[in-house]
Each structure stands twice: as C-alpha cells, then as structure tokens.
Amino acid sequence: MPEDVRPRVRLFGELLAHWAAERPADTALIFGDRKWTWAEFDERVRRLSGALAAAGVTRGDRVAFVDKNHPACLETTFAAAGLGAANAVVNWRLSGDELAYVLEDAGAKVVFAGTELLPALDAIRDRLPALERVIVVGGDADEYESFLTSAAPHGGTDVATDDGVLVMYTSGTTGFPKGAVLTHRSVLAHGLAAGTAFPIGPGEVNLVAMPLFHVGGSCYAVSGFLYGEPSYLTREPDAASLFAALRAGITHAFLVPAVVAGIAQAGEAALKAFSRLKYLCYGASPMPLPLLRTVLAAWPDVKFAQVYGMTELSGAVTALTPEAHRDTTRPERLASAGTALSGVDIRIVDPVTAQDAEVGEVWVRTEQRMAGYLGKPEATAETIVDGWVRTGDVGRLDDGGFLFLEDRVKDMIITGGENVYSPEVERVVAEFPGVAEVAVIGVPDEKWGEQVKAVVAGDQLDAEKIVEFCRERLAHYKCPRSVDVVDALPRNATGKILKRSLREPYWRDRDRNV
C-alpha cells in the first residue's frame, strides 16, 4: 500500500491549496487532450469563486450544474464551497417537469448549463423564480471561460466545516427526489475513509467516469484528489472514452456493474485491455456473482474493491477488500458488501421495534452523513435518528463483521406470512445459464397476499426451466411462481433497477403503495 500522503484538511479550498503548494507543476486533472496542474486548478477555482461572488452568490446559497461530465462541474463545486455555497449537480437526463422541480427545490441563483441542455432549461426558465443567471458551458456559445477569467482570485470567506458543498438529489424511484446536503466535513471524511480501501500511489492515475450528479462521480473524485495524483475525467462512461482512458494510462477506476458487464460481453480484446488496471472499484448496484467470477478470473492481477453506501452518507460506508474478493476459504463473502470503513459504525435494527436484531434495517453512524435534506426537516428527521442514518436496506452481519444486504425495507416480499428477501432469490436466478440481469418483485396473490415473480433479460431463456432451477436450490416459498422475460430491465440514471416500474402494472388500482 502506498504511503498515506493525504492532507487532513477541514475545508475543500485547503485541499487544493495544499497540492498547489506541494506539487504546483504536477498534473491534477486530465480531460481529453487538456491538462491542468495543481497550481492552475487552484487558481481557476479561486477565480471562479471571485466571479460567483461578483454575481451575488454568498454563504448558504446554491448554484447548479446541468451537463454531462465536465471539468467545470468540479471547479464549480470547489469554487462555490470557497464561498460557503453548495453546488447542486443535476441529473441531465431528467424530464422537463423533473428538471424544473429539482432546480426550483435547489433555489439556485446561477445555473451552469451545457450547450445541448439549453433547450430543456429555456423551456422551464419561467418556473424558476430564484434563477438570476445561466452560464453556457462548452460549444461555440461557451460563456464559462470568460466568466471565470473575468474575476480576480477570491481571497477567502468565513466558511464552516458543516456548510454545504454539494446538493445531491436522491434517485427518486419513489416520488420526487430529495436534495441531500453534503458538507465539507462529510465529503472529506468520506474521501479519507474510502481512499483507505482504494489507495492511489505515485505515478498512478484515477479514472472519474461515472456521472458527477452521483456520489460515485463527485465524491469519488474528491477521494482521488486527496492523494495528489492525476484524475482522468470522461464525459460519459462509453466504450470510446474508457478505451481512451486506458491508452492514457489510468490505473484505478470506479465503475457500476452494468458497465463492467458491457466490458465482459465485448469479447477477449476488451477483457485484455482492462486487465491492465491495478484497482477496480465497483458499486451502486450488486454485481451478479457469475459476472464477478468471470472478471475475477479474466483479471487475476487486478485488485477488486466493492463499496456500499448511499447519497445521504456522501458515498461508501463499507468495502469488500481485494483480499476478501480472492479469499477461497470464505467464498460466500463475495456476496457481501464487505466491512465498515474507518470511522463508520453499523447497527442492524428491527424496523418496527427499533431494537437491535440479527436481520433488520441497516443503520449507520459516521461523520460522512449529510446535514439533512434541503428544506425538508420532517424527511430528515425520519432518516436521521439520534445521529444514525436509516438506510432503508435490510441486512445482517456475519461473524467477521461482513455486511450482507438482504433487501430494501419497502421491497421485502411477504408471502403467506413468510419474509422473502429478493437478493437471495436474485442470486440463484442469476446463476441460470443465459441470464444477463434479474429483478425479483412481489406481485398480488389472492391466497398468499403476495407471490414471488422474477423478471429476467438474457439469451434463449425458458421461464419454466428457471422456476425448476430455483426449486432445486431454494425453499419452495422463496421460489418464483412466475418469470417474465424482457429485453432489458428499466434502470435510473445511476444504473439502479427500477423495481417500482416493474411492480406498478401488477399493483395498479390496489391499496398497497408500491
């Protein structure tokens, strides 16, 4: 493991100032054929802080960024933080009504928008009373560079560690999203904790490919910046960008399992190219065990790290280490989310009685937790209880403290009085030959209340044979009573399967809230 050179800073601005002083001429960020040194990056951020201050942004305000990945988004987060303001990084895939809701909820004074997103923003402009200015990023109409260079470097503002730096909106799989306010304290605590499980050494390059509107983008990027080594940012995690990053010498990457699956399915050439990585971190959704075994075998020299966390916790709170991935004495732990990161406490709590339990809701206590949901004190109080964050996930801890996630509290299937945790069933279905992806849901049953249904995508799948396969491996009540074969499962922008969308046709016009 490389020497831990990460500075223990309190504020975002101190991080850039540290590396600008220690390694001014070293590369901080790469984007396509452009590079910025730590000194350049620090000065640009301080100039942008000055420009935002001149535009009327002050402590406690929000700005917003609506675009695909761009260095300007990272600069905006640091620059706003220097004023005690927060950057609401918005999912650029949102529909018009969703975009209007998020931007109005954020109350952003200034919005940075990519050229291709301007039509969507123009269409809702009259619904955003707090918005004072839109600054175009990129393209022929770029205004960002002139806005940044128009100001002198900002001298600094009285900023507290619990001031917001990011407003990250939850995925919104159950209604409108909520804005989790992440602070200097929470994001830097996450960077230090997660970086310990994913260290970056001299001469290594960290890939930032996942969307910056996700904690796996923005907060992961901060984890890499702490090491003072270069980060390589891609516009999107498409094949061309990933291969360009490999040619540029990236050594570390965080990817969601869906992207890893695409690499595995692309053939031997792709598998060989990615075998050059030193570390591969994955998370945001479970990695199907057959896929994980495939890439573990294909990349014997790659160190794998799985992380589990949530937006409200600034990112990861547990990690399955490279050693645990290849521990043949405890192979069952490949299905776990690993152990708690440094500074993280985990409880398993009965969601009804709020007492400790062997299987129950996962509660987390850590400095990584959000300040709260923007403008939603009641929702905050429901999620944060006596300093513990209720994750909404059902889990258990084994004898070594490895966390196994069984289901979402709201997704648990109750059939004939028995609790069925869908991930257990999904792990079995995923082993059936040809299954590429699977989701298990509960659907109405007049006798049992609910019955188990599997929805699968893949090649040449026989629904009846899948049911038979499960009956050989699971208790009868856990087995799918029916299987739907589809072309692809619905996912949100961060790659999570939308079980709500799968359940909705079956529960429509019924009393249960899906």
Protein backbone atom coordinates (compact mmCIF):
# COMPACT_ATOMS: atom_id res chain seq x y z
CA MET A 1 0.00 0.00 0.00
CA PRO A 2 1.41 3.45 -0.90
CA GLU A 3 2.39 5.90 1.79
CA ASP A 4 -0.62 7.86 3.01
CA VAL A 5 0.22 11.39 1.88
CA ARG A 6 -3.34 12.71 2.09
CA PRO A 7 -3.64 16.03 3.90
CA ARG A 8 -6.05 16.18 6.86
CA VAL A 9 -7.83 19.33 5.79
CA ARG A 10 -11.05 20.82 7.14
CA LEU A 11 -12.28 22.66 4.05
CA PHE A 12 -12.35 22.00 0.32
CA GLY A 13 -10.21 25.02 -0.51
CA GLU A 14 -7.46 23.82 1.82
CA LEU A 15 -7.16 20.63 -0.24
CA LEU A 16 -6.35 22.43 -3.50
CA ALA A 17 -4.13 24.97 -1.72
CA HIS A 18 -2.13 22.11 -0.19
CA TRP A 19 -1.34 20.42 -3.51
CA ALA A 20 -0.80 23.74 -5.28
CA ALA A 21 1.94 24.43 -2.72
CA GLU A 22 3.36 20.89 -2.57
CA ARG A 23 3.13 19.88 -6.24
CA PRO A 24 2.35 23.02 -8.27
CA ALA A 25 3.61 21.69 -11.61
CA ASP A 26 2.20 18.16 -11.27
CA THR A 27 -0.90 17.21 -13.25
CA ALA A 28 -4.14 17.42 -11.29
CA LEU A 29 -6.79 16.79 -13.93
CA ILE A 30 -6.97 15.41 -17.48
CA PHE A 31 -9.97 15.82 -19.77
CA GLY A 32 -9.48 14.61 -23.33
CA ASP A 33 -6.34 16.29 -24.63
CA ARG A 34 -6.39 19.03 -21.96
CA LYS A 35 -4.47 19.01 -18.68
CA TRP A 36 -4.34 21.27 -15.64
CA THR A 37 -1.65 21.36 -12.96
CA TRP A 38 -2.48 21.71 -9.29
CA ALA A 39 -1.40 25.36 -9.40
CA GLU A 40 -3.59 26.03 -12.44
CA PHE A 41 -6.55 24.16 -10.97
CA ASP A 42 -6.29 26.06 -7.68
CA GLU A 43 -6.08 29.45 -9.40
CA ARG A 44 -9.01 28.68 -11.71
CA VAL A 45 -11.14 27.68 -8.73
CA ARG A 46 -10.27 30.85 -6.81
CA ARG A 47 -11.06 32.96 -9.88
CA LEU A 48 -14.39 31.19 -10.26
CA SER A 49 -15.12 31.90 -6.59
CA GLY A 50 -14.46 35.56 -7.31
CA ALA A 51 -16.78 35.50 -10.32
CA LEU A 52 -19.55 33.81 -8.34
CA ALA A 53 -19.16 36.33 -5.52
CA ALA A 54 -19.45 39.16 -8.05
CA ALA A 55 -22.62 37.50 -9.35
CA GLY A 56 -24.13 37.72 -5.88
CA VAL A 57 -23.52 34.17 -4.60
CA THR A 58 -22.95 34.20 -0.84
CA ARG A 59 -22.71 31.77 2.05
CA GLY A 60 -25.73 29.49 2.26
CA ASP A 61 -26.68 29.91 -1.40
CA ARG A 62 -26.81 27.24 -4.08
CA VAL A 63 -25.63 27.21 -7.65
CA ALA A 64 -26.47 24.37 -10.04
CA PHE A 65 -24.73 22.48 -12.80
CA VAL A 66 -26.69 20.79 -15.60
CA ASP A 67 -24.43 18.99 -18.06
CA LYS A 68 -22.65 15.75 -18.72
CA ASN A 69 -19.29 15.36 -17.00
CA HIS A 70 -17.09 18.41 -17.50
CA PRO A 71 -14.13 19.87 -15.54
CA ALA A 72 -16.23 22.99 -14.98
CA CYS A 73 -18.52 20.97 -12.71
CA LEU A 74 -15.64 20.01 -10.41
CA GLU A 75 -14.34 23.59 -10.46
CA THR A 76 -17.82 24.88 -9.61
CA THR A 77 -18.10 22.58 -6.60
CA PHE A 78 -14.77 23.78 -5.20
CA ALA A 79 -15.46 27.42 -6.09
CA ALA A 80 -18.92 27.52 -4.53
CA ALA A 81 -17.55 25.76 -1.44
CA GLY A 82 -15.00 28.55 -1.08
CA LEU A 83 -17.92 30.94 -0.55
CA GLY A 84 -19.83 28.68 1.82
CA ALA A 85 -22.26 27.86 -1.00
CA ALA A 86 -23.19 24.48 -2.47
CA ASN A 87 -23.27 23.09 -6.00
CA ALA A 88 -26.46 21.21 -6.86
CA VAL A 89 -25.27 18.80 -9.53
CA VAL A 90 -28.37 17.91 -11.50
CA ASN A 91 -29.11 14.74 -13.42
CA TRP A 92 -29.06 15.95 -17.01
CA ARG A 93 -31.34 13.08 -18.09
CA LEU A 94 -34.34 14.43 -16.17
CA SER A 95 -37.56 15.27 -17.98
CA GLY A 96 -38.70 18.87 -18.17
CA ASP A 97 -41.00 18.68 -15.12
CA GLU A 98 -38.37 16.80 -13.10
CA LEU A 99 -35.67 19.31 -14.03
CA ALA A 100 -37.94 22.21 -13.08
CA TYR A 101 -38.72 20.57 -9.73
CA VAL A 102 -35.06 19.97 -8.82
CA LEU A 103 -33.84 23.42 -9.85
CA GLU A 104 -36.70 25.14 -8.05
CA ASP A 105 -36.10 22.97 -4.98
CA ALA A 106 -32.39 23.87 -5.03
CA GLY A 107 -33.20 27.58 -5.36
CA ALA A 108 -30.08 28.10 -7.46
CA LYS A 109 -29.15 31.71 -8.25
CA VAL A 110 -26.71 30.74 -11.00
CA VAL A 111 -27.01 27.72 -13.28
CA PHE A 112 -24.16 26.39 -15.42
CA ALA A 113 -25.64 24.51 -18.38
CA GLY A 114 -24.10 22.51 -21.19
CA THR A 115 -24.93 23.73 -24.68
CA GLU A 116 -27.04 20.68 -25.52
CA LEU A 117 -29.10 21.14 -22.32
CA LEU A 118 -30.03 24.76 -23.03
CA PRO A 119 -33.32 23.99 -24.83
CA ALA A 120 -34.59 22.00 -21.84
CA LEU A 121 -33.57 24.81 -19.48
CA ASP A 122 -35.10 27.52 -21.67
CA ALA A 123 -38.41 25.64 -21.66
CA ILE A 124 -38.72 25.88 -17.86
CA ARG A 125 -37.00 29.20 -17.21
CA ASP A 126 -40.24 30.95 -16.21
CA ARG A 127 -40.77 28.35 -13.46
CA LEU A 128 -37.51 29.21 -11.67
CA PRO A 129 -38.04 32.46 -9.72
CA ALA A 130 -34.70 32.29 -7.88
CA LEU A 131 -32.63 31.89 -11.06
CA GLU A 132 -30.74 35.06 -11.92
CA ARG A 133 -28.20 33.90 -14.50
CA VAL A 134 -27.50 30.99 -16.84
CA ILE A 135 -23.90 30.44 -17.96
CA VAL A 136 -23.30 28.26 -21.01
CA VAL A 137 -20.58 25.62 -20.70
CA GLY A 138 -18.85 24.30 -23.80
CA GLY A 139 -19.58 24.56 -27.51
CA ASP A 140 -19.38 27.61 -29.72
CA ALA A 141 -21.53 29.63 -27.32
CA ASP A 142 -19.33 28.94 -24.29
CA GLU A 143 -19.55 31.64 -21.63
CA TYR A 144 -17.86 29.75 -18.82
CA GLU A 145 -14.24 30.60 -19.60
CA SER A 146 -14.90 34.33 -19.97
CA PHE A 147 -16.98 34.28 -16.76
CA LEU A 148 -14.15 32.58 -14.87
CA THR A 149 -11.36 34.80 -16.19
CA SER A 150 -13.36 37.99 -15.59
CA ALA A 151 -12.61 37.94 -11.88
CA ALA A 152 -9.53 38.09 -9.69
CA PRO A 153 -8.80 35.10 -7.44
CA HIS A 154 -11.05 35.23 -4.39
CA GLY A 155 -9.33 35.89 -1.09
CA GLY A 156 -11.46 33.57 1.00
CA THR A 157 -14.67 33.62 3.06
CA ASP A 158 -15.54 32.64 6.60
CA VAL A 159 -16.66 29.07 5.95
CA ALA A 160 -17.62 26.33 8.44
CA THR A 161 -17.00 22.61 8.10
CA ASP A 162 -20.73 21.96 8.27
CA ASP A 163 -21.56 24.31 5.40
CA GLY A 164 -22.95 22.50 2.37
CA VAL A 165 -20.68 21.89 -0.62
CA LEU A 166 -22.88 19.58 -2.69
CA VAL A 167 -26.60 19.05 -3.03
CA MET A 168 -27.01 15.57 -4.48
CA TYR A 169 -30.51 14.50 -5.37
CA THR A 170 -31.65 11.01 -4.49
CA SER A 171 -32.67 8.80 -7.37
CA GLY A 172 -36.37 9.44 -6.99
CA THR A 173 -37.52 5.85 -7.52
CA THR A 174 -40.44 6.55 -5.13
CA GLY A 175 -41.70 10.03 -5.98
CA PHE A 176 -39.87 13.34 -6.32
CA PRO A 177 -36.18 13.31 -5.36
CA LYS A 178 -34.83 14.94 -2.22
CA GLY A 179 -31.67 17.03 -2.11
CA ALA A 180 -29.13 15.62 0.33
CA VAL A 181 -26.89 18.45 1.59
CA LEU A 182 -23.33 17.13 1.82
CA THR A 183 -20.81 19.23 3.75
CA HIS A 184 -17.08 19.92 3.85
CA ARG A 185 -16.93 17.58 6.84
CA SER A 186 -18.96 14.74 5.31
CA VAL A 187 -17.35 14.66 1.86
CA LEU A 188 -13.78 14.94 3.16
CA ALA A 189 -14.48 12.27 5.81
CA HIS A 190 -15.75 10.03 3.02
CA GLY A 191 -12.66 10.70 0.93
CA LEU A 192 -10.34 9.69 3.74
CA ALA A 193 -12.33 6.58 4.65
CA ALA A 194 -12.97 5.32 1.12
CA GLY A 195 -9.46 6.13 -0.06
CA THR A 196 -8.01 3.80 2.56
CA ALA A 197 -9.75 0.91 0.81
CA PHE A 198 -8.75 2.21 -2.61
CA PRO A 199 -5.27 3.77 -2.27
CA ILE A 200 -3.59 5.65 -5.13
CA GLY A 201 0.19 5.77 -5.29
CA PRO A 202 2.84 7.80 -7.11
CA GLY A 203 2.56 7.62 -10.88
CA GLU A 204 -0.97 6.21 -10.80
CA VAL A 205 -3.98 7.82 -12.48
CA ASN A 206 -7.57 7.71 -11.24
CA LEU A 207 -10.47 7.45 -13.70
CA VAL A 208 -13.60 9.50 -12.93
CA ALA A 209 -16.14 8.18 -15.41
CA MET A 210 -19.43 7.88 -13.55
CA PRO A 211 -21.88 10.84 -13.65
CA LEU A 212 -20.90 13.74 -11.41
CA PHE A 213 -24.53 14.11 -10.33
CA HIS A 214 -23.95 10.85 -8.42
CA VAL A 215 -21.81 10.43 -5.30
CA GLY A 216 -19.90 7.80 -7.29
CA GLY A 217 -18.82 10.69 -9.51
CA SER A 218 -18.33 13.86 -7.47
CA CYS A 219 -17.49 12.34 -4.07
CA TYR A 220 -15.36 9.63 -5.65
CA ALA A 221 -13.40 12.34 -7.48
CA VAL A 222 -12.64 14.06 -4.16
CA SER A 223 -11.33 10.74 -2.81
CA GLY A 224 -8.81 10.70 -5.65
CA PHE A 225 -7.85 14.37 -5.28
CA LEU A 226 -6.82 13.72 -1.69
CA TYR A 227 -3.86 11.65 -2.92
CA GLY A 228 -2.47 14.46 -5.07
CA GLU A 229 -2.24 12.20 -8.14
CA PRO A 230 -3.85 12.90 -11.55
CA SER A 231 -7.54 12.25 -12.21
CA TYR A 232 -8.77 11.47 -15.73
CA LEU A 233 -12.33 12.70 -16.31
CA THR A 234 -14.54 11.35 -19.10
CA ARG A 235 -17.64 12.98 -20.50
CA GLU A 236 -19.51 9.67 -20.30
CA PRO A 237 -18.56 6.05 -19.46
CA ASP A 238 -18.94 4.92 -23.06
CA ALA A 239 -16.61 2.43 -24.75
CA ALA A 240 -14.63 5.01 -26.74
CA SER A 241 -13.98 7.14 -23.63
CA LEU A 242 -12.98 4.18 -21.49
CA PHE A 243 -10.52 2.86 -24.06
CA ALA A 244 -9.06 6.36 -24.49
CA ALA A 245 -8.59 6.49 -20.72
CA LEU A 246 -6.79 3.15 -20.78
CA ARG A 247 -4.47 4.39 -23.51
CA ALA A 248 -3.77 7.47 -21.37
CA GLY A 249 -2.55 5.23 -18.56
CA ILE A 250 -5.34 5.10 -15.98
CA THR A 251 -4.64 2.60 -13.20
CA HIS A 252 -7.70 3.00 -10.94
CA ALA A 253 -11.40 3.10 -11.83
CA PHE A 254 -14.82 3.11 -10.22
CA LEU A 255 -17.49 1.57 -12.46
CA VAL A 256 -21.03 0.36 -11.91
CA PRO A 257 -21.66 -3.35 -12.59
CA ALA A 258 -23.64 -2.59 -15.76
CA VAL A 259 -20.51 -1.04 -17.30
CA VAL A 260 -18.39 -4.00 -16.17
CA ALA A 261 -20.93 -6.34 -17.78
CA GLY A 262 -20.59 -4.41 -21.04
CA ILE A 263 -16.82 -4.88 -20.94
CA ALA A 264 -17.16 -8.61 -20.27
CA GLN A 265 -19.61 -9.00 -23.14
CA ALA A 266 -17.41 -7.06 -25.56
CA GLY A 267 -15.03 -10.00 -26.01
CA GLU A 268 -11.46 -11.01 -25.37
CA ALA A 269 -9.89 -7.78 -26.65
CA ALA A 270 -11.85 -5.69 -24.17
CA LEU A 271 -11.13 -8.07 -21.30
CA LYS A 272 -7.43 -7.98 -22.10
CA ALA A 273 -7.37 -4.17 -22.29
CA PHE A 274 -8.94 -3.75 -18.86
CA SER A 275 -6.64 -6.35 -17.31
CA ARG A 276 -4.04 -3.54 -17.18
CA LEU A 277 -5.90 -1.82 -14.35
CA LYS A 278 -4.38 -2.02 -10.87
CA TYR A 279 -7.61 -1.38 -8.97
CA LEU A 280 -11.24 -1.74 -9.99
CA CYS A 281 -13.82 -0.42 -7.56
CA TYR A 282 -17.49 -1.12 -8.20
CA GLY A 283 -20.76 -0.33 -6.51
CA ALA A 284 -24.13 1.48 -6.76
CA SER A 285 -25.82 -1.86 -7.52
CA PRO A 286 -24.97 -5.51 -6.83
CA MET A 287 -22.51 -7.31 -9.10
CA PRO A 288 -24.12 -10.59 -10.24
CA LEU A 289 -21.93 -13.42 -8.95
CA PRO A 290 -21.46 -15.09 -12.36
CA LEU A 291 -20.20 -11.78 -13.79
CA LEU A 292 -17.95 -11.20 -10.78
CA ARG A 293 -16.42 -14.67 -11.10
CA THR A 294 -15.85 -14.08 -14.82
CA VAL A 295 -13.89 -10.86 -14.37
CA LEU A 296 -12.01 -12.13 -11.33
CA ALA A 297 -10.73 -14.97 -13.49
CA ALA A 298 -10.09 -12.75 -16.52
CA TRP A 299 -8.18 -10.14 -14.49
CA PRO A 300 -6.08 -12.10 -11.99
CA ASP A 301 -3.75 -9.19 -11.27
CA VAL A 302 -6.47 -6.58 -10.74
CA LYS A 303 -7.36 -5.66 -7.16
CA PHE A 304 -11.14 -5.56 -6.80
CA ALA A 305 -12.94 -3.44 -4.21
CA GLN A 306 -16.70 -3.35 -3.83
CA VAL A 307 -18.31 -0.45 -1.97
CA TYR A 308 -21.75 0.04 -0.46
CA GLY A 309 -23.22 3.33 0.62
CA MET A 310 -25.78 5.94 -0.27
CA THR A 311 -26.14 9.57 -1.24
CA GLU A 312 -27.07 10.57 2.31
CA LEU A 313 -23.70 9.20 3.51
CA SER A 314 -21.59 11.01 0.89
CA GLY A 315 -20.85 7.67 -0.76
CA ALA A 316 -19.35 4.42 0.53
CA VAL A 317 -19.50 3.23 4.14
CA THR A 318 -18.39 -0.39 3.65
CA ALA A 319 -15.88 -2.06 1.37
CA LEU A 320 -15.14 -5.62 0.29
CA THR A 321 -11.35 -5.60 0.05
CA PRO A 322 -9.20 -7.08 -2.71
CA GLU A 323 -8.08 -9.80 -0.29
CA ALA A 324 -11.68 -10.75 0.54
CA HIS A 325 -12.50 -11.00 -3.16
CA ARG A 326 -9.94 -13.75 -3.60
CA ASP A 327 -10.32 -15.49 -0.22
CA THR A 328 -11.09 -19.10 -1.20
CA THR A 329 -11.71 -20.06 2.43
CA ARG A 330 -14.79 -17.80 2.70
CA PRO A 331 -16.25 -17.72 -0.83
CA GLU A 332 -19.71 -16.80 0.48
CA ARG A 333 -18.37 -13.35 1.34
CA LEU A 334 -18.25 -12.48 -2.36
CA ALA A 335 -21.97 -11.88 -1.94
CA SER A 336 -21.41 -9.42 0.91
CA ALA A 337 -20.87 -5.67 0.90
CA GLY A 338 -17.71 -6.02 2.95
CA THR A 339 -16.88 -4.45 6.30
CA ALA A 340 -17.30 -0.97 7.72
CA LEU A 341 -14.83 1.69 6.64
CA SER A 342 -12.79 3.62 9.20
CA GLY A 343 -14.99 5.90 11.28
CA VAL A 344 -18.19 4.04 10.40
CA ASP A 345 -20.45 2.27 12.93
CA ILE A 346 -23.15 -0.14 11.75
CA ARG A 347 -26.22 -1.42 13.61
CA ILE A 348 -28.83 -3.93 12.50
CA VAL A 349 -32.20 -2.73 13.79
CA ASP A 350 -35.71 -4.18 13.71
CA PRO A 351 -37.56 -1.53 11.65
CA VAL A 352 -40.72 -1.97 13.72
CA THR A 353 -39.38 -2.10 17.30
CA ALA A 354 -36.14 -0.10 16.71
CA GLN A 355 -34.31 -2.75 18.76
CA ASP A 356 -31.10 -4.48 17.70
CA ALA A 357 -31.74 -7.57 15.61
CA GLU A 358 -29.89 -10.29 13.71
CA VAL A 359 -31.65 -9.35 10.48
CA GLY A 360 -33.11 -5.89 10.10
CA GLU A 361 -32.62 -2.39 8.78
CA VAL A 362 -29.03 -1.21 8.41
CA TRP A 363 -28.34 1.93 10.47
CA VAL A 364 -25.09 3.84 10.04
CA ARG A 365 -23.33 6.42 12.23
CA THR A 366 -20.45 8.38 10.73
CA GLU A 367 -19.16 11.89 10.07
CA GLN A 368 -19.91 11.15 6.42
CA ARG A 369 -23.63 11.72 6.93
CA MET A 370 -25.43 14.58 5.25
CA ALA A 371 -26.53 17.70 7.08
CA GLY A 372 -30.08 16.84 6.02
CA TYR A 373 -32.49 17.07 3.11
CA LEU A 374 -32.68 20.59 1.70
CA GLY A 375 -35.80 22.30 3.02
CA LYS A 376 -37.33 19.04 4.30
CA PRO A 377 -36.90 18.81 8.09
CA GLU A 378 -39.58 16.12 8.50
CA ALA A 379 -37.95 13.83 5.93
CA THR A 380 -34.58 14.50 7.57
CA ALA A 381 -35.96 13.50 10.98
CA GLU A 382 -37.32 10.27 9.52
CA THR A 383 -33.91 9.37 8.07
CA ILE A 384 -31.54 10.57 10.82
CA VAL A 385 -32.40 9.19 14.27
CA ASP A 386 -30.14 10.13 17.19
CA GLY A 387 -27.22 10.56 14.80
CA TRP A 388 -27.87 7.26 13.00
CA VAL A 389 -28.83 7.22 9.32
CA ARG A 390 -31.57 4.76 8.43
CA THR A 391 -30.52 3.28 5.10
CA GLY A 392 -33.80 1.56 4.23
CA ASP A 393 -31.79 -1.60 3.47
CA VAL A 394 -32.36 -4.91 5.21
CA GLY A 395 -29.14 -6.66 6.18
CA ARG A 396 -27.20 -8.84 8.59
CA LEU A 397 -23.61 -9.06 9.84
CA ASP A 398 -21.63 -12.32 9.85
CA ASP A 399 -19.06 -13.43 12.41
CA GLY A 400 -16.39 -11.22 10.85
CA GLY A 401 -18.49 -8.07 10.56
CA PHE A 402 -19.19 -8.56 6.84
CA LEU A 403 -22.46 -6.91 5.85
CA PHE A 404 -24.90 -8.96 3.77
CA LEU A 405 -27.75 -6.97 2.22
CA GLU A 406 -30.98 -8.90 2.02
CA ASP A 407 -33.43 -6.39 0.57
CA ARG A 408 -34.91 -2.92 0.79
CA VAL A 409 -37.26 -2.49 3.74
CA LYS A 410 -40.00 -1.40 1.35
CA ASP A 411 -39.19 -4.15 -1.18
CA MET A 412 -39.39 -7.12 1.17
CA ILE A 413 -41.91 -9.68 -0.11
CA ILE A 414 -44.29 -11.20 2.43
CA THR A 415 -45.93 -14.36 1.09
CA GLY A 416 -48.12 -16.48 3.36
CA GLY A 417 -46.59 -14.78 6.39
CA GLU A 418 -43.02 -15.61 5.33
CA ASN A 419 -40.48 -12.86 4.57
CA VAL A 420 -38.68 -13.25 1.25
CA TYR A 421 -35.63 -11.11 0.55
CA SER A 422 -35.33 -10.59 -3.19
CA PRO A 423 -31.48 -10.51 -3.42
CA GLU A 424 -31.32 -14.09 -2.12
CA VAL A 425 -33.63 -15.21 -4.92
CA GLU A 426 -31.88 -12.99 -7.47
CA ARG A 427 -28.52 -14.60 -6.69
CA VAL A 428 -29.95 -18.01 -7.56
CA VAL A 429 -31.74 -16.86 -10.72
CA ALA A 430 -28.55 -15.11 -11.88
CA GLU A 431 -26.79 -18.48 -11.88
CA PHE A 432 -29.15 -19.85 -14.55
CA PRO A 433 -27.34 -20.06 -17.91
CA GLY A 434 -28.09 -17.12 -20.18
CA VAL A 435 -29.49 -14.76 -17.53
CA ALA A 436 -27.84 -11.36 -18.01
CA GLU A 437 -29.84 -9.42 -15.41
CA VAL A 438 -32.64 -10.16 -12.97
CA ALA A 439 -35.03 -8.43 -10.60
CA VAL A 440 -37.31 -10.23 -8.17
CA ILE A 441 -40.52 -8.49 -7.09
CA GLY A 442 -43.70 -9.26 -5.19
CA VAL A 443 -46.99 -9.30 -7.10
CA PRO A 444 -50.55 -9.73 -5.78
CA ASP A 445 -51.79 -13.17 -4.84
CA GLU A 446 -55.36 -13.69 -3.60
CA LYS A 447 -54.39 -16.57 -1.31
CA TRP A 448 -50.90 -15.68 -0.08
CA GLY A 449 -51.04 -11.87 -0.25
CA GLU A 450 -48.01 -11.76 -2.49
CA GLN A 451 -46.20 -14.20 -4.71
CA VAL A 452 -42.62 -14.07 -5.94
CA LYS A 453 -42.01 -13.06 -9.55
CA ALA A 454 -38.70 -12.90 -11.39
CA VAL A 455 -38.14 -10.53 -14.31
CA VAL A 456 -35.13 -11.52 -16.40
CA ALA A 457 -33.24 -10.44 -19.51
CA GLY A 458 -30.81 -12.57 -21.46
CA ASP A 459 -30.41 -15.10 -24.28
CA GLN A 460 -32.74 -18.01 -25.06
CA LEU A 461 -34.37 -18.11 -21.63
CA ASP A 462 -37.08 -20.63 -20.69
CA ALA A 463 -39.28 -19.34 -17.87
CA GLU A 464 -40.40 -22.79 -16.70
CA LYS A 465 -36.84 -24.09 -16.53
CA ILE A 466 -35.82 -21.07 -14.43
CA VAL A 467 -38.58 -21.88 -11.93
CA GLU A 468 -37.44 -25.53 -11.80
CA PHE A 469 -33.83 -24.38 -11.33
CA CYS A 470 -34.84 -22.28 -8.32
CA ARG A 471 -36.90 -25.06 -6.75
CA GLU A 472 -33.79 -27.22 -6.62
CA ARG A 473 -31.90 -24.52 -4.72
CA LEU A 474 -34.39 -22.58 -2.58
CA ALA A 475 -37.19 -23.19 -0.11
CA HIS A 476 -40.42 -23.52 -2.05
CA TYR A 477 -41.97 -20.29 -0.69
CA LYS A 478 -38.94 -18.32 -1.90
CA CYS A 479 -39.10 -19.60 -5.48
CA PRO A 480 -40.59 -17.50 -8.27
CA ARG A 481 -44.09 -18.62 -9.11
CA SER A 482 -43.69 -16.93 -12.49
CA VAL A 483 -40.94 -15.49 -14.66
CA ASP A 484 -41.19 -12.66 -17.19
CA VAL A 485 -38.55 -12.47 -19.92
CA VAL A 486 -37.89 -8.94 -21.19
CA ASP A 487 -35.36 -7.29 -23.49
CA ALA A 488 -33.86 -5.14 -20.71
CA LEU A 489 -34.70 -4.11 -17.16
CA PRO A 490 -35.63 -0.47 -16.52
CA ARG A 491 -32.90 1.50 -14.75
CA ASN A 492 -32.50 5.01 -13.46
CA ALA A 493 -29.63 7.30 -14.46
CA THR A 494 -27.27 5.76 -11.91
CA GLY A 495 -27.88 2.20 -13.11
CA LYS A 496 -30.23 1.05 -10.33
CA ILE A 497 -33.05 -1.23 -11.42
CA LEU A 498 -36.43 0.47 -11.08
CA LYS A 499 -38.40 -2.21 -9.25
CA ARG A 500 -41.20 0.29 -8.73
CA SER A 501 -41.72 0.39 -12.51
CA LEU A 502 -41.74 -3.40 -12.69
CA ARG A 503 -44.30 -3.74 -9.88
CA GLU A 504 -46.58 -0.89 -10.94
CA PRO A 505 -48.68 -2.78 -13.57
CA TYR A 506 -49.48 -5.52 -11.07
CA TRP A 507 -50.37 -3.25 -8.13
CA ARG A 508 -52.22 -0.58 -10.11
CA ASP A 509 -55.63 0.24 -8.58
CA ARG A 510 -54.81 -1.65 -5.38
CA ASP A 511 -54.48 -0.25 -1.87
CA ARG A 512 -50.80 -1.13 -1.47
CA ASN A 513 -48.35 1.67 -2.21
CA VAL A 514 -45.62 0.23 -4.48
